[in-house]
């Protein structure tokens, strides 16, 4: 695992003061930080050198955060993308997660919470996605559906069916680690981000819904309910 100083964050925001303040804050936590003043610059800098975590604002000139996330996800499905924005509406959160973002945090949140959420994204980027859930070949086999827990590619009947995001793969890994047992919303959020981290259940529900869609016929094994919780049957 990398030391903090070796972990690089790419931060994109068009407000110079906020960009400078966040850079100073993250550097004080020991992270290396590159900055971009708009989405277009963020995509270009991502292509030049892939960071450990990407932080995007939504409203930026030239290319907004949604488009930047979409462009990044065309070439990389694994690097965590965190939206850090003043736009905290549920519609925007759902859109961001649907594009492959891993988290969505309001700029109005306390600094300690912002750093904690970013740190957790960094930690998750360093963890092995497969864990104990994958077979010896590094794949999770769910009937006709196979998930390569390294590349995150999903195949159904031997045919490519797309890729999971890092968060979707983490959810699958956690549920597979205790197959047949239910996780409440709070339990699954705690497993993903650690106890004490704020996260709306809507965001989790969107991640799980996207996971079900990508699993094809294996979605029948994934039970999803905001009230009853989430589980992967045996």
Protein backbone atom coordinates (compact mmCIF):
# COMPACT_ATOMS: atom_id res chain seq x y z
CA UNK A 1 0.00 0.00 0.00
CA UNK A 2 1.23 3.47 -0.85
CA UNK A 3 2.15 5.96 1.82
CA UNK A 4 -0.07 9.03 1.97
CA UNK A 5 2.45 11.24 0.25
CA UNK A 6 2.54 8.84 -2.67
CA UNK A 7 -1.24 8.97 -3.13
CA UNK A 8 -2.31 11.51 -5.72
CA UNK A 9 -5.65 13.25 -5.98
CA UNK A 10 -6.82 15.09 -9.09
CA UNK A 11 -9.11 17.95 -8.02
CA UNK A 12 -11.20 19.82 -10.60
CA UNK A 13 -13.09 23.01 -9.67
CA UNK A 14 -13.50 26.31 -11.48
CA UNK A 15 -13.43 28.42 -8.30
CA UNK A 16 -9.79 29.35 -7.70
CA UNK A 17 -10.26 30.10 -3.99
CA UNK A 18 -12.03 26.82 -3.30
CA UNK A 19 -9.54 24.90 -5.41
CA UNK A 20 -6.61 26.43 -3.52
CA UNK A 21 -8.25 25.87 -0.15
CA UNK A 22 -9.02 22.19 -0.83
CA UNK A 23 -5.52 21.64 -2.21
CA UNK A 24 -4.01 23.06 0.97
CA UNK A 25 -6.36 21.01 3.14
CA UNK A 26 -5.62 17.73 1.37
CA UNK A 27 -1.90 18.40 1.29
CA UNK A 28 -2.01 19.05 5.02
CA UNK A 29 -3.44 15.52 5.30
CA UNK A 30 -0.41 14.20 3.46
CA UNK A 31 -1.83 13.71 -0.05
CA UNK A 32 -0.29 14.89 -3.30
CA UNK A 33 -2.76 17.06 -5.23
CA UNK A 34 -2.98 18.12 -8.86
CA UNK A 35 -5.65 20.63 -9.82
CA UNK A 36 -7.70 21.43 -12.92
CA UNK A 37 -9.84 24.52 -13.47
CA UNK A 38 -12.49 22.83 -15.62
CA UNK A 39 -13.67 19.42 -16.77
CA UNK A 40 -11.74 19.54 -20.01
CA UNK A 41 -8.46 20.11 -18.17
CA UNK A 42 -9.35 17.34 -15.72
CA UNK A 43 -9.84 14.80 -18.51
CA UNK A 44 -6.59 15.87 -20.16
CA UNK A 45 -4.61 15.62 -16.92
CA UNK A 46 -6.19 12.26 -16.15
CA UNK A 47 -4.97 10.95 -19.50
CA UNK A 48 -1.48 12.31 -18.84
CA UNK A 49 -1.17 10.50 -15.50
CA UNK A 50 -3.85 8.44 -13.80
CA UNK A 51 -4.36 9.58 -10.17
CA UNK A 52 -5.57 7.49 -7.23
CA UNK A 53 -8.78 9.50 -6.80
CA UNK A 54 -10.61 12.12 -8.89
CA UNK A 55 -12.65 14.90 -7.26
CA UNK A 56 -15.04 16.78 -9.55
CA UNK A 57 -17.26 19.82 -9.20
CA UNK A 58 -20.47 19.70 -11.25
CA UNK A 59 -20.77 23.23 -12.63
CA UNK A 60 -17.57 24.01 -14.56
CA UNK A 61 -16.96 25.81 -17.88
CA UNK A 62 -15.87 24.09 -21.10
CA UNK A 63 -16.89 20.67 -19.76
CA UNK A 64 -18.98 20.12 -16.64
CA UNK A 65 -18.31 17.46 -14.04
CA UNK A 66 -20.88 15.03 -15.41
CA UNK A 67 -19.28 15.02 -18.84
CA UNK A 68 -15.80 14.80 -17.34
CA UNK A 69 -16.84 11.75 -15.30
CA UNK A 70 -18.34 10.19 -18.41
CA UNK A 71 -15.12 10.73 -20.37
CA UNK A 72 -12.96 9.32 -17.58
CA UNK A 73 -15.16 6.25 -17.29
CA UNK A 74 -14.70 5.52 -21.00
CA UNK A 75 -11.07 4.64 -20.30
CA UNK A 76 -10.97 3.75 -16.61
CA UNK A 77 -13.65 2.06 -14.51
CA UNK A 78 -11.66 1.58 -11.34
CA UNK A 79 -10.25 4.92 -10.16
CA UNK A 80 -12.73 6.32 -7.59
CA UNK A 81 -14.55 9.47 -8.69
CA UNK A 82 -16.00 11.71 -5.96
CA UNK A 83 -18.26 14.65 -6.74
CA UNK A 84 -17.68 17.59 -4.39
CA UNK A 85 -20.25 20.21 -5.29
CA UNK A 86 -22.75 22.81 -4.13
CA UNK A 87 -25.45 21.06 -6.21
CA UNK A 88 -26.83 18.63 -3.66
CA UNK A 89 -30.17 17.70 -5.24
CA UNK A 90 -31.19 14.05 -5.45
CA UNK A 91 -31.53 14.22 -9.25
CA UNK A 92 -27.90 15.32 -9.58
CA UNK A 93 -26.75 12.59 -7.19
CA UNK A 94 -28.57 9.91 -9.15
CA UNK A 95 -27.13 11.21 -12.43
CA UNK A 96 -23.58 11.23 -11.05
CA UNK A 97 -23.83 7.70 -9.70
CA UNK A 98 -25.35 6.52 -12.95
CA UNK A 99 -22.30 7.84 -14.80
CA UNK A 100 -20.01 5.77 -12.58
CA UNK A 101 -19.19 8.11 -9.70
CA UNK A 102 -18.43 6.47 -6.35
CA UNK A 103 -19.57 9.22 -4.01
CA UNK A 104 -21.32 12.59 -4.00
CA UNK A 105 -20.50 15.08 -1.23
CA UNK A 106 -21.86 18.58 -0.60
CA UNK A 107 -19.37 21.43 -0.31
CA UNK A 108 -21.34 22.59 2.72
CA UNK A 109 -20.31 19.49 4.66
CA UNK A 110 -17.78 20.00 7.50
CA UNK A 111 -14.15 19.80 6.43
CA UNK A 112 -13.58 16.75 8.63
CA UNK A 113 -16.36 14.90 6.80
CA UNK A 114 -15.03 15.92 3.39
CA UNK A 115 -11.57 14.63 4.25
CA UNK A 116 -13.00 11.43 5.76
CA UNK A 117 -15.01 10.63 2.64
CA UNK A 118 -12.04 11.34 0.39
CA UNK A 119 -9.73 9.30 2.60
CA UNK A 120 -12.15 6.39 2.46
CA UNK A 121 -12.20 6.62 -1.34
CA UNK A 122 -8.40 6.51 -1.31
CA UNK A 123 -8.41 3.48 0.97
CA UNK A 124 -10.91 1.67 -1.19
CA UNK A 125 -8.85 2.39 -4.29
CA UNK A 126 -5.96 0.53 -2.68
CA UNK A 127 -7.96 -2.47 -1.48
CA UNK A 128 -8.15 -5.67 -3.46
CA UNK A 129 -11.62 -5.75 -4.94
CA UNK A 130 -11.79 -9.51 -5.15
CA UNK A 131 -11.20 -10.31 -1.49
CA UNK A 132 -12.38 -13.74 -0.46
CA UNK A 133 -15.43 -13.59 -2.72
CA UNK A 134 -13.61 -14.49 -5.96
CA UNK A 135 -12.50 -17.94 -7.00
CA UNK A 136 -8.88 -18.91 -7.60
CA UNK A 137 -9.09 -17.44 -11.10
CA UNK A 138 -9.97 -14.02 -9.66
CA UNK A 139 -13.53 -14.26 -10.94
CA UNK A 140 -16.90 -14.47 -9.26
CA UNK A 141 -19.15 -17.01 -10.96
CA UNK A 142 -22.90 -16.49 -10.60
CA UNK A 143 -24.57 -18.99 -12.89
CA UNK A 144 -24.13 -17.81 -16.47
CA UNK A 145 -22.72 -14.50 -15.22
CA UNK A 146 -19.02 -14.10 -14.48
CA UNK A 147 -17.44 -11.03 -12.92
CA UNK A 148 -13.68 -10.58 -13.25
CA UNK A 149 -12.92 -8.92 -9.92
CA UNK A 150 -9.66 -7.47 -11.24
CA UNK A 151 -10.78 -5.90 -14.52
CA UNK A 152 -14.41 -5.60 -13.26
CA UNK A 153 -15.65 -6.92 -16.61
CA UNK A 154 -18.97 -8.77 -16.62
CA UNK A 155 -19.65 -11.60 -19.07
CA UNK A 156 -22.91 -13.46 -19.54
CA UNK A 157 -22.66 -16.79 -21.29
CA UNK A 158 -19.15 -15.88 -22.40
CA UNK A 159 -20.28 -12.60 -24.01
CA UNK A 160 -19.14 -9.24 -22.68
CA UNK A 161 -21.90 -7.39 -20.79
CA UNK A 162 -19.98 -4.29 -19.66
CA UNK A 163 -18.02 -3.39 -16.54
CA UNK A 164 -18.83 -2.65 -12.93
CA UNK A 165 -17.74 0.52 -11.20
CA UNK A 166 -15.46 0.22 -8.18
CA UNK A 167 -18.35 0.84 -5.80
CA UNK A 168 -20.58 -1.71 -7.50
CA UNK A 169 -17.78 -4.29 -7.29
CA UNK A 170 -17.26 -3.50 -3.61
CA UNK A 171 -20.97 -3.99 -2.92
CA UNK A 172 -20.92 -7.32 -4.74
CA UNK A 173 -17.79 -8.42 -2.86
CA UNK A 174 -19.32 -7.51 0.51
CA UNK A 175 -22.61 -9.29 -0.18
CA UNK A 176 -20.81 -12.34 -1.58
CA UNK A 177 -18.69 -12.54 1.56
CA UNK A 178 -21.87 -13.32 3.54
CA UNK A 179 -24.10 -14.97 0.97
CA UNK A 180 -27.63 -15.64 2.15
CA UNK A 181 -27.44 -13.02 4.91
CA UNK A 182 -29.16 -9.64 4.75
CA UNK A 183 -27.36 -6.32 5.15
CA UNK A 184 -29.45 -3.39 6.28
CA UNK A 185 -28.85 -0.10 4.50
CA UNK A 186 -26.81 1.17 7.45
CA UNK A 187 -24.76 -2.04 7.64
CA UNK A 188 -23.90 -1.97 3.95
CA UNK A 189 -22.97 1.72 4.06
CA UNK A 190 -20.76 1.05 7.11
CA UNK A 191 -19.07 -1.83 5.29
CA UNK A 192 -18.41 0.42 2.29
CA UNK A 193 -17.26 3.56 4.08
CA UNK A 194 -16.78 2.70 7.74
CA UNK A 195 -18.94 3.53 10.74
CA UNK A 196 -19.96 7.14 11.18
CA UNK A 197 -19.87 8.15 7.50
CA UNK A 198 -22.95 9.95 6.23
CA UNK A 199 -24.57 8.61 3.09
CA UNK A 200 -28.16 8.88 1.86
CA UNK A 201 -29.88 5.55 1.31
CA UNK A 202 -30.95 6.82 -2.12
CA UNK A 203 -27.31 6.82 -3.27
CA UNK A 204 -26.81 3.25 -2.11
CA UNK A 205 -30.06 2.14 -3.73
CA UNK A 206 -28.94 3.60 -7.07
CA UNK A 207 -25.58 1.78 -6.87
CA UNK A 208 -27.31 -1.53 -6.12
CA UNK A 209 -29.89 -0.99 -8.87
CA UNK A 210 -27.09 -0.36 -11.38
CA UNK A 211 -25.33 -3.51 -10.16
CA UNK A 212 -28.48 -5.61 -10.65
CA UNK A 213 -28.88 -4.28 -14.19
CA UNK A 214 -25.31 -5.20 -15.12
CA UNK A 215 -25.46 -8.72 -13.66
CA UNK A 216 -27.98 -9.89 -16.25
CA UNK A 217 -29.68 -13.17 -15.23
CA UNK A 218 -27.64 -13.25 -11.99
CA UNK A 219 -29.64 -10.21 -10.83
CA UNK A 220 -32.22 -12.74 -9.63
CA UNK A 221 -29.73 -13.70 -6.89
CA UNK A 222 -29.49 -10.12 -5.62
CA UNK A 223 -32.30 -9.14 -3.30
CA UNK A 224 -32.73 -5.38 -2.96
CA UNK A 225 -35.10 -3.55 -0.65
CA UNK A 226 -34.68 -0.26 1.18
CA UNK A 227 -36.73 -1.70 4.03
CA UNK A 228 -35.61 -5.35 4.20
CA UNK A 229 -32.01 -4.74 3.17
CA UNK A 230 -29.72 -6.33 0.61
CA UNK A 231 -28.48 -9.88 0.14
CA UNK A 232 -26.93 -12.24 -2.39
CA UNK A 233 -28.58 -15.66 -2.25
CA UNK A 234 -26.59 -18.89 -2.36
